[in-house]
Protein backbone atom coordinates (compact mmCIF):
# COMPACT_ATOMS: atom_id res chain seq x y z
CA MET A 1 4.25 -28.69 -14.80
CA ARG A 2 0.88 -27.02 -15.39
CA THR A 3 -0.38 -28.35 -12.08
CA VAL A 4 2.51 -26.79 -10.18
CA PHE A 5 2.00 -23.46 -11.96
CA LEU A 6 -1.75 -23.54 -11.31
CA ALA A 7 -1.22 -24.34 -7.62
CA ALA A 8 1.27 -21.48 -7.28
CA ALA A 9 -1.08 -19.06 -9.03
CA LEU A 10 -4.00 -20.02 -6.79
CA ALA A 11 -1.84 -19.67 -3.68
CA ALA A 12 -0.77 -16.20 -4.79
CA LEU A 13 -4.37 -15.13 -5.39
CA SER A 14 -5.44 -16.27 -1.95
CA SER A 15 -2.51 -14.67 -0.15
CA PRO A 16 -3.33 -12.10 2.56
CA ALA A 17 -1.05 -9.55 0.90
CA LEU A 18 -3.54 -9.19 -1.93
CA ALA A 19 -6.47 -8.88 0.46
CA GLY A 20 -5.30 -5.47 1.68
CA PRO A 21 -3.89 -4.35 5.00
CA ARG A 22 -5.05 -6.37 7.97
CA LEU A 23 -5.54 -5.28 11.52
CA PRO A 24 -2.70 -6.13 13.87
CA ALA A 25 -2.83 -9.26 16.02
CA PRO A 26 -5.63 -9.15 18.58
CA GLY A 27 -4.66 -8.02 22.06
CA LEU A 28 -3.77 -5.07 24.24
CA TYR A 29 -1.12 -2.68 22.89
CA CYS A 30 0.52 -0.57 25.57
CA PRO A 31 2.27 2.74 24.87
CA VAL A 32 6.05 2.72 25.13
CA GLY A 33 7.41 5.42 27.43
CA LEU A 34 4.33 7.66 27.57
CA ASP A 35 1.17 7.78 29.66
CA VAL A 36 -1.53 7.66 26.96
CA PRO A 37 -4.50 5.28 26.58
CA PRO A 38 -3.63 1.84 25.18
CA ILE A 39 -5.01 0.39 21.95
CA LEU A 40 -7.15 -2.76 22.13
CA VAL A 41 -7.58 -4.87 18.99
CA ASP A 42 -10.38 -7.45 18.85
CA ALA A 43 -10.27 -10.57 16.70
CA ASP A 44 -13.54 -9.55 15.01
CA GLY A 45 -12.29 -6.26 13.52
CA GLY A 46 -13.09 -4.07 16.48
CA MET A 47 -10.66 -1.62 18.04
CA GLY A 48 -10.49 0.53 21.14
CA ILE A 49 -8.42 3.58 20.24
CA ASP A 50 -8.34 7.17 21.52
CA LEU A 51 -10.99 6.22 24.12
CA LEU A 52 -13.37 5.19 21.31
CA ASP A 53 -14.95 1.75 20.88
CA CYS A 54 -15.04 1.01 17.15
CA SER A 55 -16.25 -1.88 15.01
CA GLY A 56 -15.49 -2.67 11.39
CA VAL A 57 -12.12 -0.89 11.44
CA ARG A 58 -10.24 -0.83 8.13
CA LEU A 59 -6.58 0.03 7.56
CA SER A 60 -5.54 1.88 4.44
CA LEU A 61 -2.52 4.03 3.60
CA GLY A 62 -1.45 4.40 7.24
CA ARG A 63 -4.94 5.32 8.49
CA ALA A 64 -7.50 3.46 10.55
CA ARG A 65 -11.09 4.20 9.59
CA ALA A 66 -14.50 3.11 10.84
CA ALA A 67 -17.94 4.43 10.04
CA ALA A 68 -19.14 4.36 13.64
CA CYS A 69 -17.40 4.41 16.99
CA PHE A 70 -18.87 4.99 20.41
CA ALA A 71 -17.44 7.56 22.80
CA ASN A 72 -18.12 8.06 26.50
CA GLY A 73 -21.77 8.83 27.04
CA GLY A 74 -22.81 6.88 23.94
CA ALA A 75 -22.03 9.53 21.33
CA GLN A 76 -21.50 7.97 17.91
CA VAL A 77 -18.61 9.33 15.81
CA PRO A 78 -16.60 8.18 12.78
CA LEU A 79 -12.94 7.18 13.10
CA ASP A 80 -10.17 8.45 10.84
CA VAL A 81 -6.77 8.40 12.57
CA ASP A 82 -3.17 7.60 11.71
CA LEU A 83 -2.17 4.02 12.51
CA VAL A 84 0.82 2.13 11.14
CA VAL A 85 1.45 -1.55 11.79
CA ARG A 86 5.20 -2.05 11.70
CA ARG A 87 6.96 -5.19 10.52
CA ASP A 88 7.95 -6.03 14.10
CA GLY A 89 4.28 -6.02 15.14
CA THR A 90 4.36 -2.73 17.01
CA LEU A 91 1.88 0.02 16.23
CA ARG A 92 2.59 3.69 15.64
CA HIS A 93 -0.22 6.13 16.37
CA ASP A 94 -0.10 9.87 16.99
CA GLY A 95 3.71 9.78 17.32
CA VAL A 96 3.64 7.01 19.96
CA THR A 97 4.82 3.40 19.66
CA PHE A 98 2.51 0.73 21.08
CA ARG A 99 3.69 -2.81 21.85
CA LEU A 100 1.54 -5.95 22.29
CA TYR A 101 1.28 -6.69 26.01
CA THR A 102 0.42 -10.14 27.33
CA GLY A 103 0.76 -9.50 31.06
CA PRO A 104 -1.98 -8.72 33.56
CA ARG A 105 -4.11 -5.67 32.80
CA PRO A 106 -3.88 -2.72 32.90
CA CYS A 107 -0.74 -1.68 31.06
CA PRO A 108 2.26 -1.18 33.30
CA ALA A 109 3.20 2.40 34.17
CA PRO A 110 5.65 3.94 31.69
């Protein structure tokens, strides 16, 4: 009985839910119904959002944050924007829904 309890406790401690919010699945997220730039999520924690190229992005309380992102021309800026990962896997950013797109790039026209 102790072994079962110990195994369950260890599984709970290693669960992703306790590790904090994770980035969405890697891939290209296209806007639904609007002509705005897509969101690109890398497997290594990078994100292309709002025409910025960011690394080390963290999600917390409905916000995406990164210490340094690169803009056009090489300007370096921090990132602090709204970003919600919904249960169905879609993203919500700046009032727009973004859906994972697996077809040929670029995103299809809205």
